[in-house]
Amino acid sequence: NTALLASYTETISSSVNSMVLSNNIALTSSNSGANIFNSTFNITGGTVSVVGTIQTTNSAASTDSLTVVPATIATLQLSNATALSGLSATGTNVIYFDNPGATIEYSGAAQTIYTDAAITGLPGPFGGIQNYNDIKFSGTGIKTPNGNNSNYLSIDGDFTNTLANDAADYIDLSLPTVFFNGNSQNIYAGGGAGTTFYKITFHGIGPSVT
């Protein structure tokens, strides 16, 4: 007879108005050989600000998940320069930013913007990060997409840029093609020199540009 593995998932959900994590989000999953224990952190409302990185520790066949899955709206603020740099190369990681009502804000200095370029530890042909709902840029420095080739930054909701947009503080979109996929989207290009889009595609009805 073949023994069947039992799978268990421990889920923590946050809907508090404002939560500031001064270090990392660290998720651990394991495979005991008889049981698989998975970990999930869901952001269902409010704003969660992470100063450190998203870290996972997985065993083979186990899964760690971080999802922004709002009841109405929720925001995940990432201030670390490389916020997804702590993902385990073992097992499976799930990072999902594309649920309706979700905003991902890059709020730090000189950050990596995660596009569809492969990220170590994330599964799938695009490294797991394929789409954003709303995306926002604040803070300082140059926001630079990951990867060295022509990647895609795919957005179903609003695009908001609140940087100074001067010579030292801007979003470098010279590399990726930016896809706007929704039927009701807003592009807030920001003050200063605004936002420069080099390659852009509209799949929906078309956004409103401010």
N, C-alpha and C. Protein backbone atom coordinates (compact mmCIF):
# COMPACT_ATOMS: atom_id res chain seq x y z
N ASN A 1 0.84 -1.19 0.00
CA ASN A 1 0.00 0.00 0.00
C ASN A 1 0.88 1.25 0.00
N THR A 2 0.40 2.27 -0.68
CA THR A 2 1.13 3.53 -0.74
C THR A 2 0.52 4.50 0.26
N ALA A 3 1.36 4.99 1.16
CA ALA A 3 0.88 5.95 2.15
C ALA A 3 0.60 7.29 1.49
N LEU A 4 -0.50 7.91 1.90
CA LEU A 4 -0.85 9.22 1.36
C LEU A 4 -0.38 10.31 2.30
N LEU A 5 0.26 11.34 1.72
CA LEU A 5 0.69 12.48 2.52
C LEU A 5 -0.51 13.33 2.88
N ALA A 6 -0.58 13.77 4.13
CA ALA A 6 -1.60 14.72 4.56
C ALA A 6 -1.03 16.13 4.46
N SER A 7 -1.82 17.06 3.93
CA SER A 7 -1.36 18.44 3.74
C SER A 7 -2.14 19.37 4.64
N TYR A 8 -1.43 20.22 5.38
CA TYR A 8 -2.04 21.17 6.29
C TYR A 8 -1.53 22.56 5.96
N THR A 9 -2.41 23.57 6.05
CA THR A 9 -2.02 24.95 5.79
C THR A 9 -2.35 25.82 6.99
N GLU A 10 -1.34 26.51 7.49
CA GLU A 10 -1.52 27.47 8.57
C GLU A 10 -1.62 28.85 7.92
N THR A 11 -2.75 29.55 8.13
CA THR A 11 -3.00 30.82 7.47
C THR A 11 -3.12 31.94 8.50
N ILE A 12 -2.38 33.02 8.27
CA ILE A 12 -2.51 34.24 9.06
C ILE A 12 -3.04 35.32 8.12
N SER A 13 -4.10 36.01 8.55
CA SER A 13 -4.68 37.08 7.74
C SER A 13 -4.62 38.39 8.51
N SER A 14 -4.31 39.47 7.79
CA SER A 14 -4.25 40.80 8.41
C SER A 14 -5.23 41.73 7.72
N SER A 15 -6.07 42.39 8.54
CA SER A 15 -6.98 43.40 8.03
C SER A 15 -6.92 44.67 8.88
N VAL A 16 -5.88 44.80 9.72
CA VAL A 16 -5.77 45.98 10.58
C VAL A 16 -5.51 47.20 9.71
N ASN A 17 -5.90 48.36 10.22
CA ASN A 17 -5.81 49.58 9.42
C ASN A 17 -4.39 49.89 8.99
N SER A 18 -3.42 49.72 9.90
CA SER A 18 -2.03 50.01 9.58
C SER A 18 -1.12 49.09 10.38
N MET A 19 -0.31 48.32 9.69
CA MET A 19 0.65 47.42 10.33
C MET A 19 2.03 47.70 9.74
N VAL A 20 3.00 48.00 10.59
CA VAL A 20 4.37 48.24 10.15
C VAL A 20 5.25 47.12 10.68
N LEU A 21 5.87 46.37 9.77
CA LEU A 21 6.79 45.30 10.14
C LEU A 21 8.20 45.81 9.94
N SER A 22 8.92 46.03 11.04
CA SER A 22 10.23 46.66 10.98
C SER A 22 11.32 45.73 10.49
N ASN A 23 11.01 44.44 10.37
CA ASN A 23 11.99 43.48 9.87
C ASN A 23 11.41 42.77 8.66
N ASN A 24 11.41 41.44 8.65
CA ASN A 24 11.01 40.66 7.49
C ASN A 24 9.66 39.97 7.72
N ILE A 25 9.02 39.57 6.61
CA ILE A 25 7.96 38.56 6.67
C ILE A 25 8.64 37.23 6.40
N ALA A 26 8.64 36.34 7.37
CA ALA A 26 9.32 35.06 7.25
C ALA A 26 8.31 33.93 7.35
N LEU A 27 8.19 33.16 6.28
CA LEU A 27 7.26 32.04 6.23
C LEU A 27 8.04 30.74 6.12
N THR A 28 7.61 29.72 6.84
CA THR A 28 8.30 28.43 6.84
C THR A 28 7.30 27.32 6.59
N SER A 29 7.62 26.45 5.65
CA SER A 29 6.82 25.26 5.40
C SER A 29 7.74 24.05 5.48
N SER A 30 7.14 22.87 5.68
CA SER A 30 7.98 21.68 5.87
C SER A 30 7.28 20.44 5.36
N ASN A 31 8.08 19.43 5.14
CA ASN A 31 7.60 18.13 4.70
C ASN A 31 8.25 17.08 5.60
N SER A 32 7.43 16.47 6.45
CA SER A 32 7.99 15.51 7.41
C SER A 32 8.14 14.11 6.83
N GLY A 33 7.65 13.94 5.59
CA GLY A 33 7.62 12.61 5.01
C GLY A 33 6.26 11.96 5.13
N ALA A 34 5.54 12.31 6.21
CA ALA A 34 4.17 11.82 6.40
C ALA A 34 3.16 12.95 6.25
N ASN A 35 3.60 14.17 6.54
CA ASN A 35 2.71 15.33 6.49
C ASN A 35 3.43 16.52 5.84
N ILE A 36 2.65 17.32 5.12
CA ILE A 36 3.17 18.55 4.55
C ILE A 36 2.50 19.71 5.29
N PHE A 37 3.30 20.64 5.77
CA PHE A 37 2.80 21.79 6.49
C PHE A 37 3.14 23.05 5.68
N ASN A 38 2.10 23.77 5.22
CA ASN A 38 2.27 24.96 4.41
C ASN A 38 1.93 26.21 5.22
N SER A 39 2.52 27.34 4.81
CA SER A 39 2.26 28.61 5.50
C SER A 39 1.73 29.63 4.51
N THR A 40 0.73 30.40 4.94
CA THR A 40 0.12 31.43 4.10
C THR A 40 -0.09 32.70 4.91
N PHE A 41 0.29 33.83 4.33
CA PHE A 41 0.01 35.14 4.91
C PHE A 41 -0.85 35.90 3.92
N ASN A 42 -2.10 36.20 4.31
CA ASN A 42 -3.03 36.94 3.47
C ASN A 42 -3.23 38.34 4.01
N ILE A 43 -3.12 39.33 3.14
CA ILE A 43 -3.43 40.71 3.51
C ILE A 43 -4.82 41.00 2.95
N THR A 44 -5.79 41.08 3.84
CA THR A 44 -7.20 41.19 3.43
C THR A 44 -7.76 42.60 3.57
N GLY A 45 -7.02 43.50 4.18
CA GLY A 45 -7.48 44.87 4.34
C GLY A 45 -6.41 45.73 4.99
N GLY A 46 -6.60 47.05 4.99
CA GLY A 46 -5.64 47.96 5.60
C GLY A 46 -4.35 48.05 4.82
N THR A 47 -3.30 48.52 5.50
CA THR A 47 -1.99 48.68 4.89
C THR A 47 -0.94 47.94 5.70
N VAL A 48 -0.19 47.08 5.04
CA VAL A 48 0.94 46.38 5.66
C VAL A 48 2.22 46.93 5.05
N SER A 49 3.09 47.51 5.89
CA SER A 49 4.37 48.06 5.44
C SER A 49 5.50 47.14 5.90
N VAL A 50 6.32 46.72 4.95
CA VAL A 50 7.41 45.78 5.25
C VAL A 50 8.74 46.49 5.01
N VAL A 51 9.51 46.65 6.07
CA VAL A 51 10.82 47.30 5.94
C VAL A 51 11.86 46.31 5.42
N GLY A 52 11.74 45.06 5.81
CA GLY A 52 12.70 44.04 5.39
C GLY A 52 12.29 43.37 4.09
N THR A 53 12.57 42.08 3.99
CA THR A 53 12.28 41.33 2.78
C THR A 53 11.22 40.27 3.05
N ILE A 54 10.69 39.72 1.96
CA ILE A 54 9.80 38.57 2.05
C ILE A 54 10.67 37.32 2.01
N GLN A 55 10.68 36.55 3.10
CA GLN A 55 11.54 35.39 3.21
C GLN A 55 10.72 34.12 3.34
N THR A 56 11.14 33.08 2.64
CA THR A 56 10.49 31.78 2.77
C THR A 56 11.54 30.71 3.01
N THR A 57 11.15 29.70 3.79
CA THR A 57 11.97 28.52 4.01
C THR A 57 11.09 27.31 3.75
N ASN A 58 11.34 26.62 2.65
CA ASN A 58 10.48 25.52 2.23
C ASN A 58 11.25 24.20 2.19
N SER A 59 10.52 23.14 2.45
CA SER A 59 11.00 21.80 2.14
C SER A 59 10.42 21.37 0.80
N ALA A 60 10.95 20.29 0.26
CA ALA A 60 10.43 19.78 -1.01
C ALA A 60 8.94 19.48 -0.88
N ALA A 61 8.16 19.88 -1.88
CA ALA A 61 6.71 19.64 -1.98
C ALA A 61 5.88 20.51 -1.06
N SER A 62 6.50 21.41 -0.30
CA SER A 62 5.74 22.30 0.56
C SER A 62 5.64 23.68 -0.09
N THR A 63 4.71 24.51 0.43
CA THR A 63 4.40 25.79 -0.20
C THR A 63 4.27 26.90 0.82
N ASP A 64 4.91 28.04 0.54
CA ASP A 64 4.70 29.27 1.30
C ASP A 64 4.02 30.27 0.38
N SER A 65 3.02 31.00 0.92
CA SER A 65 2.24 31.92 0.09
C SER A 65 2.11 33.28 0.76
N LEU A 66 2.26 34.33 -0.04
CA LEU A 66 1.95 35.70 0.37
C LEU A 66 1.02 36.28 -0.67
N THR A 67 -0.22 36.61 -0.28
CA THR A 67 -1.18 37.15 -1.23
C THR A 67 -1.84 38.40 -0.65
N VAL A 68 -2.10 39.36 -1.53
CA VAL A 68 -2.91 40.51 -1.17
C VAL A 68 -4.29 40.23 -1.74
N VAL A 69 -5.22 39.88 -0.86
CA VAL A 69 -6.55 39.42 -1.29
C VAL A 69 -7.61 40.18 -0.49
N PRO A 70 -7.90 41.42 -0.90
CA PRO A 70 -8.74 42.30 -0.08
C PRO A 70 -10.21 41.91 -0.07
N ALA A 71 -10.86 42.18 1.07
CA ALA A 71 -12.31 42.15 1.10
C ALA A 71 -12.85 43.32 0.28
N THR A 72 -12.20 44.47 0.41
CA THR A 72 -12.51 45.64 -0.44
C THR A 72 -11.21 46.19 -1.02
N ILE A 73 -10.38 46.82 -0.16
CA ILE A 73 -9.08 47.33 -0.61
C ILE A 73 -8.02 46.96 0.42
N ALA A 74 -6.78 46.82 -0.03
CA ALA A 74 -5.64 46.54 0.84
C ALA A 74 -4.37 46.97 0.13
N THR A 75 -3.38 47.40 0.91
CA THR A 75 -2.11 47.87 0.35
C THR A 75 -0.95 47.15 1.01
N LEU A 76 -0.01 46.72 0.19
CA LEU A 76 1.27 46.19 0.67
C LEU A 76 2.35 47.17 0.25
N GLN A 77 3.01 47.78 1.24
CA GLN A 77 4.11 48.71 0.98
C GLN A 77 5.43 47.97 1.15
N LEU A 78 6.26 48.03 0.13
CA LEU A 78 7.57 47.40 0.14
C LEU A 78 8.62 48.51 0.11
N SER A 79 9.47 48.58 1.15
CA SER A 79 10.48 49.64 1.20
C SER A 79 11.90 49.12 1.02
N ASN A 80 12.09 47.79 1.11
CA ASN A 80 13.42 47.23 0.92
C ASN A 80 13.85 47.35 -0.54
N ALA A 81 15.13 47.51 -0.77
CA ALA A 81 15.63 47.67 -2.14
C ALA A 81 15.35 46.45 -2.99
N THR A 82 15.40 45.27 -2.39
CA THR A 82 15.13 44.02 -3.11
C THR A 82 14.18 43.18 -2.26
N ALA A 83 12.93 43.55 -2.27
CA ALA A 83 11.97 43.03 -1.29
C ALA A 83 11.69 41.54 -1.44
N LEU A 84 11.88 40.97 -2.62
CA LEU A 84 11.60 39.54 -2.83
C LEU A 84 12.89 38.73 -2.96
N SER A 85 13.94 39.19 -2.33
CA SER A 85 15.24 38.53 -2.49
C SER A 85 15.45 37.36 -1.54
N GLY A 86 14.48 37.11 -0.64
CA GLY A 86 14.69 36.06 0.36
C GLY A 86 13.87 34.81 0.13
N LEU A 87 13.48 34.55 -1.12
CA LEU A 87 12.63 33.40 -1.39
C LEU A 87 13.43 32.11 -1.53
N SER A 88 12.89 31.04 -0.96
CA SER A 88 13.54 29.74 -1.00
C SER A 88 13.54 29.17 -2.41
N ALA A 89 14.62 28.54 -2.79
CA ALA A 89 14.71 27.87 -4.08
C ALA A 89 14.16 26.45 -4.02
N THR A 90 13.76 26.01 -2.83
CA THR A 90 13.19 24.67 -2.63
C THR A 90 11.68 24.78 -2.44
N GLY A 91 10.95 23.77 -2.85
CA GLY A 91 9.50 23.80 -2.69
C GLY A 91 8.87 24.82 -3.61
N THR A 92 7.72 25.38 -3.20
CA THR A 92 6.97 26.32 -4.03
C THR A 92 6.68 27.59 -3.25
N ASN A 93 6.87 28.73 -3.92
CA ASN A 93 6.47 30.02 -3.37
C ASN A 93 5.33 30.58 -4.22
N VAL A 94 4.35 31.16 -3.56
CA VAL A 94 3.25 31.82 -4.26
C VAL A 94 3.21 33.27 -3.80
N ILE A 95 3.43 34.20 -4.72
CA ILE A 95 3.33 35.63 -4.44
C ILE A 95 2.31 36.19 -5.42
N TYR A 96 1.19 36.72 -4.89
CA TYR A 96 0.11 37.12 -5.79
C TYR A 96 -0.33 38.55 -5.47
N PHE A 97 -0.22 39.43 -6.49
CA PHE A 97 -0.48 40.86 -6.32
C PHE A 97 -1.65 41.36 -7.16
N ASP A 98 -2.40 40.50 -7.79
CA ASP A 98 -3.33 40.92 -8.84
C ASP A 98 -4.80 40.80 -8.47
N ASN A 99 -5.12 40.61 -7.21
CA ASN A 99 -6.53 40.54 -6.84
C ASN A 99 -7.17 41.93 -6.88
N PRO A 100 -8.46 42.03 -7.24
CA PRO A 100 -9.14 43.32 -7.24
C PRO A 100 -9.05 44.01 -5.88
N GLY A 101 -8.75 45.30 -5.90
CA GLY A 101 -8.63 46.07 -4.66
C GLY A 101 -7.24 46.08 -4.07
N ALA A 102 -6.30 45.33 -4.65
CA ALA A 102 -4.94 45.25 -4.12
C ALA A 102 -4.06 46.36 -4.70
N THR A 103 -3.29 47.01 -3.84
CA THR A 103 -2.28 47.98 -4.27
C THR A 103 -0.93 47.54 -3.75
N ILE A 104 0.06 47.50 -4.64
CA ILE A 104 1.44 47.25 -4.25
C ILE A 104 2.19 48.56 -4.41
N GLU A 105 2.77 49.03 -3.31
CA GLU A 105 3.48 50.32 -3.33
C GLU A 105 4.97 50.10 -3.09
N TYR A 106 5.79 50.54 -4.04
CA TYR A 106 7.24 50.56 -3.87
C TYR A 106 7.59 51.89 -3.23
N SER A 107 7.84 51.87 -1.91
CA SER A 107 7.92 53.10 -1.13
C SER A 107 9.32 53.45 -0.63
N GLY A 108 10.32 52.67 -1.03
CA GLY A 108 11.66 52.86 -0.50
C GLY A 108 12.57 53.65 -1.43
N ALA A 109 13.87 53.41 -1.29
CA ALA A 109 14.89 54.12 -2.06
C ALA A 109 15.57 53.15 -3.03
N ALA A 110 15.69 53.57 -4.30
CA ALA A 110 16.47 52.82 -5.30
C ALA A 110 16.08 51.34 -5.31
N GLN A 111 14.83 51.06 -5.59
CA GLN A 111 14.30 49.71 -5.47
C GLN A 111 14.25 48.95 -6.79
N THR A 112 14.23 47.63 -6.66
CA THR A 112 13.92 46.74 -7.77
C THR A 112 12.41 46.63 -7.91
N ILE A 113 11.91 46.86 -9.15
CA ILE A 113 10.51 46.62 -9.48
C ILE A 113 10.42 45.21 -10.05
N TYR A 114 9.58 44.38 -9.48
CA TYR A 114 9.49 43.00 -9.95
C TYR A 114 8.49 42.90 -11.09
N THR A 115 8.99 42.46 -12.24
CA THR A 115 8.19 42.31 -13.45
C THR A 115 7.99 40.82 -13.71
N ASP A 116 7.86 40.44 -14.98
CA ASP A 116 7.68 39.02 -15.29
C ASP A 116 9.01 38.31 -15.51
N ALA A 117 10.12 39.00 -15.26
CA ALA A 117 11.41 38.32 -15.33
C ALA A 117 11.50 37.29 -14.22
N ALA A 118 12.22 36.21 -14.48
CA ALA A 118 12.31 35.12 -13.51
C ALA A 118 12.92 35.60 -12.20
N ILE A 119 12.33 35.17 -11.10
CA ILE A 119 12.84 35.45 -9.77
C ILE A 119 13.17 34.12 -9.13
N THR A 120 14.38 33.97 -8.62
CA THR A 120 14.79 32.72 -8.00
C THR A 120 13.81 32.34 -6.89
N GLY A 121 13.29 31.14 -6.99
CA GLY A 121 12.38 30.65 -5.97
C GLY A 121 10.91 30.77 -6.31
N LEU A 122 10.58 31.51 -7.38
CA LEU A 122 9.18 31.59 -7.79
C LEU A 122 8.96 30.70 -8.99
N PRO A 123 7.86 29.93 -8.99
CA PRO A 123 7.63 28.98 -10.07
C PRO A 123 7.03 29.64 -11.30
N GLY A 124 6.94 28.89 -12.36
CA GLY A 124 6.24 29.34 -13.55
C GLY A 124 7.17 29.99 -14.56
N PRO A 125 6.70 30.16 -15.78
CA PRO A 125 7.54 30.69 -16.85
C PRO A 125 7.96 32.13 -16.63
N PHE A 126 7.19 32.89 -15.81
CA PHE A 126 7.52 34.29 -15.58
C PHE A 126 7.98 34.54 -14.15
N GLY A 127 8.43 33.51 -13.49
CA GLY A 127 8.93 33.69 -12.13
C GLY A 127 7.85 34.00 -11.11
N GLY A 128 6.59 33.81 -11.46
CA GLY A 128 5.53 33.96 -10.48
C GLY A 128 4.89 35.33 -10.44
N ILE A 129 5.66 36.42 -10.62
CA ILE A 129 5.09 37.76 -10.62
C ILE A 129 4.70 38.08 -12.05
N GLN A 130 3.42 38.04 -12.34
CA GLN A 130 2.98 38.28 -13.70
C GLN A 130 2.15 39.55 -13.83
N ASN A 131 1.33 39.85 -12.85
CA ASN A 131 0.42 40.98 -12.94
C ASN A 131 0.32 41.73 -11.62
N TYR A 132 0.03 43.02 -11.74
CA TYR A 132 -0.37 43.83 -10.60
C TYR A 132 -1.80 44.29 -10.81
N ASN A 133 -2.51 44.52 -9.70
CA ASN A 133 -3.75 45.27 -9.81
C ASN A 133 -3.36 46.74 -9.84
N ASP A 134 -3.39 47.46 -8.71
CA ASP A 134 -2.87 48.83 -8.67
C ASP A 134 -1.41 48.79 -8.27
N ILE A 135 -0.61 49.65 -8.89
CA ILE A 135 0.81 49.77 -8.53
C ILE A 135 1.12 51.24 -8.27
N LYS A 136 1.90 51.48 -7.20
CA LYS A 136 2.22 52.85 -6.80
C LYS A 136 3.71 52.96 -6.51
N PHE A 137 4.28 54.11 -6.87
CA PHE A 137 5.70 54.37 -6.64
C PHE A 137 5.84 55.64 -5.80
N SER A 138 6.57 55.51 -4.68
CA SER A 138 6.86 56.66 -3.83
C SER A 138 8.30 56.51 -3.35
N GLY A 139 8.71 57.36 -2.42
CA GLY A 139 10.08 57.26 -1.92
C GLY A 139 11.06 58.04 -2.76
N THR A 140 12.28 57.51 -2.88
CA THR A 140 13.36 58.23 -3.56
C THR A 140 14.17 57.28 -4.44
N GLY A 141 15.10 57.86 -5.18
CA GLY A 141 16.01 57.07 -5.99
C GLY A 141 15.38 56.61 -7.29
N ILE A 142 16.08 55.70 -7.97
CA ILE A 142 15.64 55.19 -9.26
C ILE A 142 15.02 53.81 -9.06
N LYS A 143 13.79 53.64 -9.51
CA LYS A 143 13.10 52.35 -9.45
C LYS A 143 13.42 51.60 -10.74
N THR A 144 14.05 50.43 -10.61
CA THR A 144 14.58 49.72 -11.77
C THR A 144 13.98 48.33 -11.88
N PRO A 145 13.39 47.96 -13.03
CA PRO A 145 12.83 46.61 -13.20
C PRO A 145 13.91 45.54 -13.12
N ASN A 146 13.52 44.35 -12.61
CA ASN A 146 14.46 43.23 -12.56
C ASN A 146 14.63 42.61 -13.94
N GLY A 147 15.74 41.94 -14.13
CA GLY A 147 15.99 41.26 -15.40
C GLY A 147 16.75 42.13 -16.38
N ASN A 148 17.43 41.49 -17.31
CA ASN A 148 18.27 42.19 -18.27
C ASN A 148 17.68 42.23 -19.67
N ASN A 149 16.58 41.53 -19.89
CA ASN A 149 15.99 41.48 -21.22
C ASN A 149 14.70 42.28 -21.26
N SER A 150 14.00 42.22 -22.38
CA SER A 150 12.74 42.95 -22.52
C SER A 150 11.65 42.20 -21.77
N ASN A 151 11.30 42.70 -20.59
CA ASN A 151 10.31 42.05 -19.74
C ASN A 151 9.00 42.81 -19.82
N TYR A 152 7.99 42.30 -19.13
CA TYR A 152 6.67 42.91 -19.14
C TYR A 152 6.27 43.35 -17.75
N LEU A 153 5.76 44.57 -17.65
CA LEU A 153 5.13 45.06 -16.44
C LEU A 153 3.65 45.16 -16.73
N SER A 154 2.86 44.27 -16.15
CA SER A 154 1.45 44.11 -16.50
C SER A 154 0.58 44.63 -15.37
N ILE A 155 -0.33 45.58 -15.70
CA ILE A 155 -1.11 46.29 -14.70
C ILE A 155 -2.58 46.24 -15.09
N ASP A 156 -3.43 45.76 -14.17
CA ASP A 156 -4.86 45.69 -14.42
C ASP A 156 -5.62 46.88 -13.84
N GLY A 157 -5.00 47.59 -12.91
CA GLY A 157 -5.65 48.72 -12.25
C GLY A 157 -4.93 50.03 -12.52
N ASP A 158 -4.74 50.83 -11.45
CA ASP A 158 -4.17 52.16 -11.60
C ASP A 158 -2.65 52.15 -11.46
N PHE A 159 -2.03 53.13 -12.12
CA PHE A 159 -0.59 53.38 -12.04
C PHE A 159 -0.42 54.75 -11.41
N THR A 160 0.31 54.82 -10.27
CA THR A 160 0.48 56.09 -9.56
C THR A 160 1.95 56.34 -9.28
N ASN A 161 2.45 57.50 -9.70
CA ASN A 161 3.83 57.90 -9.49
C ASN A 161 3.85 59.17 -8.65
N THR A 162 4.39 59.10 -7.43
CA THR A 162 4.50 60.28 -6.57
C THR A 162 5.95 60.66 -6.29
N LEU A 163 6.88 60.16 -7.09
CA LEU A 163 8.29 60.52 -6.93
C LEU A 163 8.51 61.98 -7.33
N ALA A 164 9.70 62.50 -7.02
CA ALA A 164 10.04 63.86 -7.43
C ALA A 164 10.19 63.96 -8.95
N ASN A 165 10.55 62.84 -9.59
CA ASN A 165 10.71 62.78 -11.05
C ASN A 165 11.70 63.82 -11.55
N ASP A 166 12.89 63.79 -10.91
CA ASP A 166 14.00 64.62 -11.34
C ASP A 166 15.13 63.70 -11.78
N ALA A 167 16.34 64.21 -11.88
CA ALA A 167 17.46 63.41 -12.41
C ALA A 167 17.83 62.24 -11.52
N ALA A 168 17.48 62.31 -10.23
CA ALA A 168 17.90 61.27 -9.29
C ALA A 168 16.74 60.43 -8.77
N ASP A 169 15.53 60.82 -9.07
CA ASP A 169 14.36 60.14 -8.49
C ASP A 169 13.32 59.94 -9.59
N TYR A 170 13.29 58.72 -10.13
CA TYR A 170 12.33 58.45 -11.21
C TYR A 170 12.18 56.94 -11.40
N ILE A 171 11.19 56.55 -12.21
CA ILE A 171 10.96 55.15 -12.56
C ILE A 171 11.61 54.89 -13.91
N ASP A 172 12.53 53.97 -13.96
CA ASP A 172 13.22 53.63 -15.21
C ASP A 172 12.42 52.55 -15.94
N LEU A 173 11.64 52.98 -16.92
CA LEU A 173 10.83 52.04 -17.70
C LEU A 173 11.37 51.87 -19.11
N SER A 174 12.67 52.06 -19.25
CA SER A 174 13.29 51.92 -20.58
C SER A 174 13.36 50.47 -21.02
N LEU A 175 13.29 49.54 -20.07
CA LEU A 175 13.44 48.13 -20.42
C LEU A 175 12.11 47.42 -20.69
N PRO A 176 11.15 47.46 -19.78
CA PRO A 176 9.97 46.61 -19.99
C PRO A 176 8.93 47.24 -20.91
N THR A 177 8.13 46.41 -21.52
CA THR A 177 6.88 46.85 -22.13
C THR A 177 5.83 46.89 -21.03
N VAL A 178 5.14 48.02 -20.90
CA VAL A 178 4.12 48.18 -19.87
C VAL A 178 2.76 47.89 -20.50
N PHE A 179 2.06 46.92 -19.95
CA PHE A 179 0.74 46.53 -20.43
C PHE A 179 -0.32 47.07 -19.47
N PHE A 180 -1.27 47.84 -19.99
CA PHE A 180 -2.46 48.24 -19.24
C PHE A 180 -3.61 47.39 -19.74
N ASN A 181 -4.14 46.54 -18.86
CA ASN A 181 -5.06 45.49 -19.28
C ASN A 181 -6.51 45.75 -18.92
N GLY A 182 -6.79 46.77 -18.10
CA GLY A 182 -8.14 46.94 -17.59
C GLY A 182 -9.02 47.81 -18.46
N ASN A 183 -10.28 47.86 -18.09
CA ASN A 183 -11.25 48.69 -18.80
C ASN A 183 -11.54 50.00 -18.09
N SER A 184 -11.03 50.16 -16.88
CA SER A 184 -11.22 51.39 -16.12
C SER A 184 -9.98 51.63 -15.30
N GLN A 185 -9.00 52.31 -15.89
CA GLN A 185 -7.71 52.52 -15.25
C GLN A 185 -7.33 53.99 -15.26
N ASN A 186 -6.51 54.38 -14.28
CA ASN A 186 -5.98 55.74 -14.22
C ASN A 186 -4.47 55.68 -14.22
N ILE A 187 -3.84 56.58 -14.97
CA ILE A 187 -2.39 56.73 -14.95
C ILE A 187 -2.10 58.10 -14.35
N TYR A 188 -1.54 58.10 -13.14
CA TYR A 188 -1.13 59.33 -12.48
C TYR A 188 0.38 59.44 -12.66
N ALA A 189 0.79 60.22 -13.65
CA ALA A 189 2.19 60.22 -14.08
C ALA A 189 3.10 61.00 -13.16
N GLY A 190 2.56 61.85 -12.27
CA GLY A 190 3.37 62.54 -11.29
C GLY A 190 3.84 63.91 -11.73
N GLY A 191 4.42 64.63 -10.76
CA GLY A 191 4.95 65.96 -11.03
C GLY A 191 6.36 65.91 -11.58
N GLY A 192 7.04 67.06 -11.55
CA GLY A 192 8.39 67.12 -12.10
C GLY A 192 8.39 66.77 -13.57
N ALA A 193 9.29 65.88 -13.96
CA ALA A 193 9.35 65.44 -15.36
C ALA A 193 8.33 64.37 -15.67
N GLY A 194 7.54 63.94 -14.68
CA GLY A 194 6.52 62.93 -14.91
C GLY A 194 7.11 61.55 -15.17
N THR A 195 6.35 60.70 -15.83
CA THR A 195 6.75 59.33 -16.12
C THR A 195 7.01 59.17 -17.61
N THR A 196 8.13 58.59 -17.95
CA THR A 196 8.44 58.30 -19.35
C THR A 196 8.17 56.83 -19.63
N PHE A 197 7.24 56.57 -20.54
CA PHE A 197 6.97 55.21 -21.00
C PHE A 197 7.63 55.03 -22.36
N TYR A 198 8.44 54.00 -22.49
CA TYR A 198 9.15 53.75 -23.74
C TYR A 198 8.37 52.80 -24.64
N LYS A 199 7.80 51.76 -24.03
CA LYS A 199 7.02 50.77 -24.77
C LYS A 199 5.76 50.50 -23.96
N ILE A 200 4.61 50.74 -24.57
CA ILE A 200 3.36 50.67 -23.83
C ILE A 200 2.29 50.06 -24.71
N THR A 201 1.44 49.22 -24.10
CA THR A 201 0.36 48.56 -24.83
C THR A 201 -0.91 48.65 -24.01
N PHE A 202 -2.03 49.00 -24.67
CA PHE A 202 -3.33 49.06 -24.02
C PHE A 202 -4.18 47.91 -24.53
N HIS A 203 -4.66 47.06 -23.62
CA HIS A 203 -5.51 45.94 -23.99
C HIS A 203 -6.97 46.18 -23.66
N GLY A 204 -7.25 47.14 -22.75
CA GLY A 204 -8.63 47.41 -22.37
C GLY A 204 -9.21 48.55 -23.19
N ILE A 205 -10.23 49.18 -22.63
CA ILE A 205 -10.87 50.31 -23.32
C ILE A 205 -9.93 51.50 -23.39
N GLY A 206 -9.10 51.64 -22.38
CA GLY A 206 -8.15 52.75 -22.37
C GLY A 206 -8.21 53.53 -21.08
N PRO A 207 -7.04 53.90 -20.51
CA PRO A 207 -7.01 54.56 -19.21
C PRO A 207 -7.20 56.07 -19.31
N SER A 208 -7.43 56.68 -18.15
CA SER A 208 -7.43 58.12 -18.02
C SER A 208 -6.05 58.54 -17.54
N VAL A 209 -5.44 59.51 -18.22
CA VAL A 209 -4.07 59.92 -17.91
C VAL A 209 -4.08 61.27 -17.22
N THR A 210 -3.38 61.34 -16.07
CA THR A 210 -3.27 62.58 -15.30
C THR A 210 -1.80 62.93 -15.12
